[in-house]
N, C-alpha and C. Protein backbone atom coordinates (compact mmCIF):
# COMPACT_ATOMS: atom_id res chain seq x y z
N MET A 1 0.84 -1.17 0.00
CA MET A 1 0.00 0.00 0.00
C MET A 1 0.89 1.24 0.00
N ASN A 2 0.89 1.93 -1.11
CA ASN A 2 1.73 3.13 -1.20
C ASN A 2 3.17 2.83 -0.81
N GLY A 3 3.66 1.64 -1.17
CA GLY A 3 5.04 1.26 -0.88
C GLY A 3 5.27 0.69 0.51
N HIS A 4 4.23 0.46 1.28
CA HIS A 4 4.35 -0.07 2.65
C HIS A 4 3.84 -1.50 2.71
N GLU A 5 4.56 -2.35 3.42
CA GLU A 5 4.14 -3.73 3.64
C GLU A 5 3.19 -3.78 4.83
N GLN A 6 2.50 -4.92 4.99
CA GLN A 6 1.63 -5.09 6.15
C GLN A 6 2.46 -5.02 7.43
N ALA A 7 1.86 -4.45 8.46
CA ALA A 7 2.52 -4.34 9.75
C ALA A 7 2.37 -5.65 10.52
N VAL A 8 3.26 -5.88 11.47
CA VAL A 8 3.29 -7.10 12.27
C VAL A 8 2.66 -6.82 13.63
N GLY A 9 1.96 -7.82 14.16
CA GLY A 9 1.42 -7.71 15.51
C GLY A 9 -0.09 -7.84 15.54
N ARG A 10 -0.58 -8.29 16.69
CA ARG A 10 -2.01 -8.51 16.89
C ARG A 10 -2.84 -7.24 16.65
N GLU A 11 -2.28 -6.11 16.99
CA GLU A 11 -3.02 -4.85 16.83
C GLU A 11 -3.23 -4.50 15.35
N HIS A 12 -2.54 -5.20 14.46
CA HIS A 12 -2.68 -4.95 13.02
C HIS A 12 -3.47 -6.06 12.32
N ALA A 13 -4.17 -6.87 13.09
CA ALA A 13 -4.93 -7.99 12.52
C ALA A 13 -6.13 -7.49 11.72
N ALA A 14 -6.50 -8.28 10.72
CA ALA A 14 -7.72 -8.00 9.96
C ALA A 14 -8.94 -8.27 10.85
N ARG A 15 -10.03 -7.62 10.51
CA ARG A 15 -11.27 -7.78 11.26
C ARG A 15 -12.36 -8.24 10.29
N ALA A 16 -13.02 -9.36 10.63
CA ALA A 16 -14.12 -9.85 9.78
C ALA A 16 -15.29 -8.87 9.87
N LEU A 17 -15.84 -8.52 8.71
CA LEU A 17 -16.95 -7.57 8.65
C LEU A 17 -18.29 -8.24 8.38
N ASP A 18 -18.29 -9.18 7.42
CA ASP A 18 -19.55 -9.71 6.94
C ASP A 18 -19.32 -11.10 6.36
N ARG A 19 -20.27 -12.01 6.62
CA ARG A 19 -20.24 -13.34 6.00
C ARG A 19 -21.62 -13.61 5.41
N THR A 20 -21.65 -14.15 4.22
CA THR A 20 -22.93 -14.48 3.60
C THR A 20 -22.83 -15.84 2.94
N ALA A 21 -23.96 -16.52 2.86
CA ALA A 21 -24.08 -17.78 2.11
C ALA A 21 -25.46 -17.77 1.48
N PHE A 22 -25.52 -18.10 0.19
CA PHE A 22 -26.81 -18.08 -0.49
C PHE A 22 -26.75 -18.99 -1.71
N GLY A 23 -27.91 -19.26 -2.27
CA GLY A 23 -28.00 -20.11 -3.45
C GLY A 23 -29.05 -21.18 -3.27
N ASP A 24 -29.18 -22.04 -4.29
CA ASP A 24 -30.19 -23.09 -4.27
C ASP A 24 -29.83 -24.21 -3.30
N GLY A 25 -28.57 -24.58 -3.25
CA GLY A 25 -28.12 -25.64 -2.35
C GLY A 25 -27.45 -25.04 -1.13
N PRO A 26 -26.90 -25.91 -0.27
CA PRO A 26 -26.21 -25.39 0.91
C PRO A 26 -24.95 -24.62 0.51
N ALA A 27 -25.02 -23.34 0.69
CA ALA A 27 -23.88 -22.44 0.43
C ALA A 27 -23.32 -22.60 -0.98
N ASP A 28 -24.22 -22.57 -2.00
CA ASP A 28 -23.74 -22.57 -3.39
C ASP A 28 -22.76 -21.43 -3.62
N ARG A 29 -23.07 -20.33 -3.00
CA ARG A 29 -22.18 -19.17 -3.06
C ARG A 29 -22.01 -18.64 -1.63
N ALA A 30 -20.81 -18.27 -1.32
CA ALA A 30 -20.52 -17.75 0.02
C ALA A 30 -19.46 -16.66 -0.11
N SER A 31 -19.49 -15.72 0.80
CA SER A 31 -18.45 -14.69 0.80
C SER A 31 -18.16 -14.25 2.22
N ILE A 32 -16.98 -13.70 2.38
CA ILE A 32 -16.57 -13.10 3.65
C ILE A 32 -15.79 -11.84 3.32
N ALA A 33 -16.01 -10.81 4.10
CA ALA A 33 -15.32 -9.53 3.89
C ALA A 33 -14.53 -9.18 5.15
N PHE A 34 -13.34 -8.62 4.92
CA PHE A 34 -12.45 -8.23 6.01
C PHE A 34 -12.09 -6.77 5.90
N ASP A 35 -11.94 -6.12 7.05
CA ASP A 35 -11.37 -4.77 7.11
C ASP A 35 -9.87 -4.94 7.38
N LEU A 36 -9.04 -4.51 6.42
CA LEU A 36 -7.59 -4.64 6.54
C LEU A 36 -6.91 -3.29 6.82
N THR A 37 -7.68 -2.26 7.10
CA THR A 37 -7.12 -0.92 7.26
C THR A 37 -6.03 -0.89 8.32
N ALA A 38 -6.25 -1.53 9.46
CA ALA A 38 -5.27 -1.52 10.56
C ALA A 38 -4.04 -2.36 10.26
N SER A 39 -4.06 -3.12 9.16
CA SER A 39 -2.94 -3.98 8.82
C SER A 39 -1.76 -3.21 8.24
N TYR A 40 -1.94 -1.94 7.96
CA TYR A 40 -0.89 -1.13 7.35
C TYR A 40 -0.59 0.07 8.24
N PRO A 41 0.66 0.53 8.20
CA PRO A 41 1.02 1.68 9.03
C PRO A 41 0.29 2.94 8.55
N ASP A 42 0.16 3.90 9.44
CA ASP A 42 -0.52 5.16 9.12
C ASP A 42 0.12 5.85 7.91
N GLU A 43 1.43 5.67 7.74
CA GLU A 43 2.15 6.31 6.62
C GLU A 43 1.66 5.82 5.25
N ALA A 44 0.93 4.69 5.20
CA ALA A 44 0.40 4.19 3.94
C ALA A 44 -0.72 5.08 3.41
N GLY A 45 -1.26 5.94 4.27
CA GLY A 45 -2.25 6.91 3.83
C GLY A 45 -3.63 6.33 3.54
N LEU A 46 -3.98 5.23 4.20
CA LEU A 46 -5.27 4.59 3.96
C LEU A 46 -6.38 5.19 4.81
N ASP A 47 -7.52 5.41 4.19
CA ASP A 47 -8.75 5.67 4.94
C ASP A 47 -9.46 4.36 5.20
N ALA A 48 -9.43 3.46 4.21
CA ALA A 48 -10.10 2.17 4.36
C ALA A 48 -9.49 1.16 3.38
N LEU A 49 -9.46 -0.10 3.80
CA LEU A 49 -9.04 -1.19 2.94
C LEU A 49 -9.91 -2.39 3.26
N ARG A 50 -10.64 -2.87 2.26
CA ARG A 50 -11.56 -3.99 2.44
C ARG A 50 -11.19 -5.09 1.45
N ARG A 51 -11.14 -6.34 1.93
CA ARG A 51 -10.93 -7.50 1.07
C ARG A 51 -12.16 -8.40 1.19
N THR A 52 -12.70 -8.77 0.04
CA THR A 52 -13.84 -9.69 -0.01
C THR A 52 -13.41 -10.93 -0.77
N VAL A 53 -13.69 -12.10 -0.20
CA VAL A 53 -13.41 -13.38 -0.83
C VAL A 53 -14.75 -14.05 -1.06
N ALA A 54 -15.04 -14.36 -2.34
CA ALA A 54 -16.33 -14.95 -2.69
C ALA A 54 -16.13 -16.28 -3.41
N LEU A 55 -16.83 -17.30 -2.94
CA LEU A 55 -16.79 -18.64 -3.52
C LEU A 55 -18.07 -18.87 -4.31
N ASP A 56 -17.93 -19.31 -5.54
CA ASP A 56 -19.07 -19.71 -6.38
C ASP A 56 -18.86 -21.18 -6.72
N ARG A 57 -19.52 -22.07 -5.97
CA ARG A 57 -19.32 -23.51 -6.16
C ARG A 57 -19.76 -23.96 -7.55
N ALA A 58 -20.87 -23.44 -8.06
CA ALA A 58 -21.37 -23.86 -9.37
C ALA A 58 -20.38 -23.51 -10.48
N ALA A 59 -19.79 -22.33 -10.41
CA ALA A 59 -18.83 -21.90 -11.43
C ALA A 59 -17.44 -22.46 -11.16
N GLY A 60 -17.20 -22.93 -9.93
CA GLY A 60 -15.87 -23.44 -9.58
C GLY A 60 -14.84 -22.33 -9.47
N THR A 61 -15.26 -21.16 -9.00
CA THR A 61 -14.35 -20.02 -8.94
C THR A 61 -14.32 -19.40 -7.54
N VAL A 62 -13.23 -18.70 -7.29
CA VAL A 62 -13.09 -17.85 -6.10
C VAL A 62 -12.70 -16.46 -6.61
N THR A 63 -13.39 -15.44 -6.13
CA THR A 63 -13.07 -14.06 -6.50
C THR A 63 -12.57 -13.32 -5.27
N ILE A 64 -11.42 -12.67 -5.41
CA ILE A 64 -10.83 -11.87 -4.33
C ILE A 64 -10.84 -10.42 -4.80
N THR A 65 -11.48 -9.56 -4.03
CA THR A 65 -11.58 -8.15 -4.40
C THR A 65 -10.99 -7.30 -3.29
N ASP A 66 -9.99 -6.49 -3.62
CA ASP A 66 -9.42 -5.53 -2.68
C ASP A 66 -9.89 -4.14 -3.09
N GLU A 67 -10.44 -3.39 -2.14
CA GLU A 67 -10.91 -2.03 -2.39
C GLU A 67 -10.28 -1.10 -1.36
N ALA A 68 -9.61 -0.06 -1.85
CA ALA A 68 -8.91 0.87 -0.96
C ALA A 68 -9.39 2.29 -1.20
N ALA A 69 -9.48 3.02 -0.11
CA ALA A 69 -9.72 4.46 -0.17
C ALA A 69 -8.53 5.12 0.51
N PHE A 70 -7.87 6.02 -0.20
CA PHE A 70 -6.69 6.70 0.33
C PHE A 70 -7.06 8.12 0.77
N ARG A 71 -6.28 8.65 1.70
CA ARG A 71 -6.53 10.01 2.18
C ARG A 71 -6.27 11.05 1.10
N GLU A 72 -5.39 10.71 0.15
CA GLU A 72 -5.06 11.64 -0.93
C GLU A 72 -5.23 10.93 -2.28
N ASP A 73 -5.46 11.70 -3.33
CA ASP A 73 -5.58 11.14 -4.67
C ASP A 73 -4.27 10.46 -5.07
N GLY A 74 -4.39 9.45 -5.93
CA GLY A 74 -3.21 8.80 -6.50
C GLY A 74 -2.59 7.72 -5.65
N GLY A 75 -3.32 7.17 -4.69
CA GLY A 75 -2.77 6.10 -3.87
C GLY A 75 -2.45 4.86 -4.69
N ASP A 76 -1.51 4.05 -4.21
CA ASP A 76 -1.02 2.88 -4.93
C ASP A 76 -1.48 1.61 -4.23
N LEU A 77 -2.40 0.86 -4.85
CA LEU A 77 -2.90 -0.40 -4.31
C LEU A 77 -2.31 -1.54 -5.13
N GLU A 78 -1.67 -2.49 -4.45
CA GLU A 78 -1.20 -3.71 -5.08
C GLU A 78 -1.73 -4.89 -4.29
N SER A 79 -2.35 -5.84 -5.00
CA SER A 79 -2.75 -7.10 -4.39
C SER A 79 -1.62 -8.10 -4.63
N VAL A 80 -1.34 -8.91 -3.62
CA VAL A 80 -0.21 -9.83 -3.69
C VAL A 80 -0.71 -11.27 -3.66
N VAL A 81 -0.19 -12.09 -4.57
CA VAL A 81 -0.50 -13.52 -4.62
C VAL A 81 0.79 -14.25 -4.26
N VAL A 82 0.70 -15.19 -3.29
CA VAL A 82 1.86 -15.95 -2.85
C VAL A 82 1.55 -17.43 -3.00
N SER A 83 2.53 -18.21 -3.47
CA SER A 83 2.32 -19.64 -3.70
C SER A 83 3.62 -20.42 -3.49
N TYR A 84 3.47 -21.68 -3.09
CA TYR A 84 4.61 -22.60 -3.07
C TYR A 84 4.82 -23.24 -4.43
N HIS A 85 3.94 -22.93 -5.38
CA HIS A 85 4.04 -23.46 -6.74
C HIS A 85 4.37 -22.32 -7.70
N PRO A 86 5.02 -22.62 -8.82
CA PRO A 86 5.43 -21.57 -9.75
C PRO A 86 4.26 -20.72 -10.26
N ILE A 87 4.50 -19.41 -10.28
CA ILE A 87 3.55 -18.44 -10.84
C ILE A 87 4.21 -17.83 -12.07
N THR A 88 3.46 -17.74 -13.16
CA THR A 88 3.96 -17.07 -14.36
C THR A 88 2.93 -16.04 -14.82
N ASP A 89 3.43 -15.01 -15.48
CA ASP A 89 2.57 -13.98 -16.09
C ASP A 89 2.15 -14.53 -17.44
N ASP A 90 0.85 -14.71 -17.61
CA ASP A 90 0.30 -15.29 -18.83
C ASP A 90 -0.47 -14.22 -19.60
N GLY A 91 0.24 -13.20 -20.05
CA GLY A 91 -0.39 -12.14 -20.83
C GLY A 91 -1.34 -11.26 -20.04
N GLY A 92 -0.99 -10.97 -18.81
CA GLY A 92 -1.83 -10.11 -17.97
C GLY A 92 -2.62 -10.87 -16.93
N ASP A 93 -2.75 -12.18 -17.09
CA ASP A 93 -3.31 -13.03 -16.06
C ASP A 93 -2.17 -13.84 -15.46
N LEU A 94 -2.43 -14.51 -14.35
CA LEU A 94 -1.41 -15.31 -13.70
C LEU A 94 -1.75 -16.79 -13.85
N LEU A 95 -0.73 -17.60 -14.00
CA LEU A 95 -0.89 -19.04 -14.07
C LEU A 95 -0.07 -19.65 -12.94
N VAL A 96 -0.73 -20.44 -12.08
CA VAL A 96 -0.08 -21.14 -10.97
C VAL A 96 -0.11 -22.62 -11.31
N THR A 97 1.09 -23.22 -11.42
CA THR A 97 1.20 -24.61 -11.86
C THR A 97 1.72 -25.48 -10.72
N GLY A 98 0.89 -26.45 -10.31
CA GLY A 98 1.27 -27.37 -9.25
C GLY A 98 1.48 -28.77 -9.79
N GLU A 99 1.77 -29.70 -8.90
CA GLU A 99 2.03 -31.08 -9.31
C GLU A 99 0.77 -31.78 -9.83
N ARG A 100 -0.41 -31.40 -9.31
CA ARG A 100 -1.65 -32.09 -9.69
C ARG A 100 -2.59 -31.23 -10.52
N GLY A 101 -2.22 -30.03 -10.87
CA GLY A 101 -3.11 -29.18 -11.64
C GLY A 101 -2.60 -27.76 -11.72
N ALA A 102 -3.45 -26.91 -12.27
CA ALA A 102 -3.06 -25.51 -12.45
C ALA A 102 -4.26 -24.61 -12.21
N LEU A 103 -3.97 -23.37 -11.84
CA LEU A 103 -4.98 -22.35 -11.64
C LEU A 103 -4.68 -21.16 -12.53
N CYS A 104 -5.72 -20.57 -13.08
CA CYS A 104 -5.60 -19.30 -13.78
C CYS A 104 -6.16 -18.24 -12.86
N ILE A 105 -5.43 -17.14 -12.69
CA ILE A 105 -5.92 -16.01 -11.91
C ILE A 105 -6.09 -14.86 -12.88
N GLU A 106 -7.35 -14.59 -13.23
CA GLU A 106 -7.66 -13.48 -14.13
C GLU A 106 -7.63 -12.19 -13.31
N THR A 107 -6.99 -11.17 -13.84
CA THR A 107 -6.85 -9.91 -13.12
C THR A 107 -7.51 -8.78 -13.89
N ASP A 108 -8.01 -7.79 -13.16
CA ASP A 108 -8.50 -6.60 -13.82
C ASP A 108 -7.50 -5.45 -13.67
N GLY A 109 -6.35 -5.77 -13.07
CA GLY A 109 -5.29 -4.78 -12.90
C GLY A 109 -4.11 -5.10 -13.78
N GLU A 110 -2.96 -4.61 -13.38
CA GLU A 110 -1.72 -4.81 -14.14
C GLU A 110 -0.76 -5.65 -13.32
N VAL A 111 -0.30 -6.77 -13.89
CA VAL A 111 0.72 -7.58 -13.21
C VAL A 111 2.01 -6.77 -13.23
N THR A 112 2.46 -6.35 -12.05
CA THR A 112 3.64 -5.49 -11.97
C THR A 112 4.92 -6.26 -11.67
N ALA A 113 4.79 -7.46 -11.10
CA ALA A 113 5.99 -8.26 -10.80
C ALA A 113 5.59 -9.70 -10.54
N VAL A 114 6.45 -10.62 -10.95
CA VAL A 114 6.37 -12.03 -10.56
C VAL A 114 7.77 -12.40 -10.11
N GLU A 115 7.89 -12.86 -8.86
CA GLU A 115 9.20 -13.11 -8.28
C GLU A 115 9.29 -14.55 -7.75
N HIS A 116 10.46 -15.15 -7.92
CA HIS A 116 10.77 -16.45 -7.34
C HIS A 116 11.66 -16.17 -6.14
N LEU A 117 11.17 -16.48 -4.95
CA LEU A 117 11.88 -16.19 -3.70
C LEU A 117 12.40 -17.51 -3.12
N ALA A 118 13.56 -17.94 -3.56
CA ALA A 118 14.07 -19.27 -3.23
C ALA A 118 14.33 -19.47 -1.73
N ASP A 119 14.72 -18.45 -1.00
CA ASP A 119 15.07 -18.62 0.42
C ASP A 119 14.10 -17.89 1.35
N ALA A 120 12.83 -17.80 0.97
CA ALA A 120 11.88 -16.99 1.74
C ALA A 120 11.31 -17.68 2.97
N VAL A 121 11.36 -19.00 3.03
CA VAL A 121 10.72 -19.72 4.13
C VAL A 121 11.65 -19.80 5.33
N ASP A 122 11.11 -19.43 6.49
CA ASP A 122 11.84 -19.51 7.76
C ASP A 122 11.90 -20.98 8.17
N MET A 123 13.08 -21.57 8.09
CA MET A 123 13.23 -23.00 8.37
C MET A 123 13.25 -23.34 9.85
N SER A 124 13.03 -22.36 10.74
CA SER A 124 12.90 -22.70 12.15
C SER A 124 11.60 -23.48 12.38
N TYR A 125 10.71 -23.46 11.39
CA TYR A 125 9.49 -24.27 11.44
C TYR A 125 9.70 -25.55 10.63
N ARG A 126 10.80 -26.19 10.83
CA ARG A 126 11.24 -27.35 10.05
C ARG A 126 10.21 -28.47 10.04
N ASP A 127 9.43 -28.65 11.10
CA ASP A 127 8.44 -29.72 11.15
C ASP A 127 7.39 -29.57 10.05
N ALA A 128 7.11 -28.35 9.65
CA ALA A 128 6.11 -28.12 8.61
C ALA A 128 6.65 -28.50 7.23
N PHE A 129 7.95 -28.52 7.06
CA PHE A 129 8.59 -28.83 5.78
C PHE A 129 9.70 -29.85 6.00
N PRO A 130 9.33 -31.13 6.23
CA PRO A 130 10.35 -32.11 6.62
C PRO A 130 11.34 -32.49 5.51
N ASP A 131 10.97 -32.35 4.26
CA ASP A 131 11.85 -32.82 3.19
C ASP A 131 12.90 -31.80 2.77
N GLU A 132 12.48 -30.62 2.44
CA GLU A 132 13.42 -29.60 1.97
C GLU A 132 12.77 -28.23 2.06
N ARG A 133 13.57 -27.21 1.90
CA ARG A 133 13.06 -25.85 1.94
C ARG A 133 12.21 -25.61 0.68
N PRO A 134 10.93 -25.25 0.87
CA PRO A 134 10.11 -24.98 -0.31
C PRO A 134 10.44 -23.61 -0.90
N ASP A 135 10.30 -23.52 -2.20
CA ASP A 135 10.44 -22.23 -2.86
C ASP A 135 9.12 -21.48 -2.73
N VAL A 136 9.18 -20.19 -2.89
CA VAL A 136 7.99 -19.34 -2.82
C VAL A 136 7.98 -18.44 -4.05
N TRP A 137 6.80 -18.29 -4.63
CA TRP A 137 6.62 -17.35 -5.73
C TRP A 137 5.65 -16.28 -5.25
N ARG A 138 5.91 -15.05 -5.70
CA ARG A 138 5.05 -13.92 -5.33
C ARG A 138 4.76 -13.10 -6.57
N ALA A 139 3.48 -12.77 -6.75
CA ALA A 139 3.08 -11.90 -7.86
C ALA A 139 2.37 -10.68 -7.28
N ARG A 140 2.60 -9.54 -7.90
CA ARG A 140 1.95 -8.31 -7.49
C ARG A 140 1.07 -7.82 -8.63
N VAL A 141 -0.17 -7.45 -8.28
CA VAL A 141 -1.12 -6.94 -9.27
C VAL A 141 -1.55 -5.55 -8.81
N GLY A 142 -1.24 -4.55 -9.63
CA GLY A 142 -1.57 -3.17 -9.30
C GLY A 142 -2.94 -2.79 -9.83
N ALA A 143 -3.61 -1.90 -9.10
CA ALA A 143 -4.91 -1.40 -9.53
C ALA A 143 -4.73 -0.52 -10.76
N ALA A 144 -5.71 -0.57 -11.64
CA ALA A 144 -5.71 0.32 -12.79
C ALA A 144 -5.82 1.77 -12.31
N GLU A 145 -5.17 2.67 -13.01
CA GLU A 145 -5.21 4.09 -12.63
C GLU A 145 -6.62 4.64 -12.80
N THR A 146 -7.08 5.36 -11.80
CA THR A 146 -8.37 6.04 -11.86
C THR A 146 -8.21 7.43 -11.28
N ASP A 147 -9.16 8.29 -11.55
CA ASP A 147 -9.17 9.60 -10.91
C ASP A 147 -9.60 9.44 -9.46
N GLY A 148 -9.13 10.30 -8.60
CA GLY A 148 -9.55 10.27 -7.21
C GLY A 148 -8.70 9.38 -6.34
N SER A 149 -9.25 9.06 -5.16
CA SER A 149 -8.47 8.36 -4.15
C SER A 149 -8.86 6.89 -3.98
N ASP A 150 -9.86 6.41 -4.70
CA ASP A 150 -10.31 5.02 -4.57
C ASP A 150 -9.61 4.13 -5.58
N ARG A 151 -9.23 2.92 -5.14
CA ARG A 151 -8.58 1.94 -6.01
C ARG A 151 -9.22 0.58 -5.77
N ARG A 152 -9.17 -0.29 -6.80
CA ARG A 152 -9.79 -1.61 -6.70
C ARG A 152 -9.01 -2.60 -7.56
N VAL A 153 -8.79 -3.81 -7.03
CA VAL A 153 -8.20 -4.92 -7.78
C VAL A 153 -9.09 -6.13 -7.57
N GLU A 154 -9.43 -6.82 -8.68
CA GLU A 154 -10.22 -8.04 -8.58
C GLU A 154 -9.44 -9.18 -9.21
N LEU A 155 -9.38 -10.31 -8.50
CA LEU A 155 -8.72 -11.52 -8.98
C LEU A 155 -9.74 -12.63 -9.04
N LEU A 156 -9.92 -13.23 -10.21
CA LEU A 156 -10.84 -14.35 -10.38
C LEU A 156 -10.01 -15.62 -10.55
N VAL A 157 -10.13 -16.54 -9.58
CA VAL A 157 -9.32 -17.76 -9.56
C VAL A 157 -10.18 -18.92 -10.05
N ARG A 158 -9.66 -19.63 -11.06
CA ARG A 158 -10.39 -20.78 -11.59
C ARG A 158 -9.39 -21.87 -11.98
N PRO A 159 -9.84 -23.13 -11.90
CA PRO A 159 -8.95 -24.21 -12.32
C PRO A 159 -8.75 -24.19 -13.83
N VAL A 160 -7.58 -24.65 -14.26
CA VAL A 160 -7.30 -24.80 -15.68
C VAL A 160 -7.69 -26.22 -16.05
N GLU A 161 -8.54 -26.34 -17.04
CA GLU A 161 -9.04 -27.67 -17.47
C GLU A 161 -8.00 -28.36 -18.30
């Protein structure tokens, strides 16, 4: 957010705002929304940051929407995708390739970076990774430029057939 990473500590935790489930069957569609404003330092210039995660079982998709309001015009919103499996930029969308399948992440923003972070995992948690140090990939998706102080990034995650 405006060049600032998320802050560390319980006082910077996200807060659940709303949960919904609806549809013809049990929870055909469900969503949860979080307030992430406190997750960033005051210097990030945020008035509000909301993340909504929506599951559509019938479509087989998950949509992640980040919406930010900045105190001043021109704020910089980047949504970050992190994976233990390789991420590649596939012409403006992201492709995550695992051992048993792949995911396409359609973006309405601009993929600004895809990074392979070979030594990112803290191995003091060795029990979680008994075989070897896993690699980490990180992709950043920036919000499209708009007038004013509001920014939005939407990621639509679907399996690759």
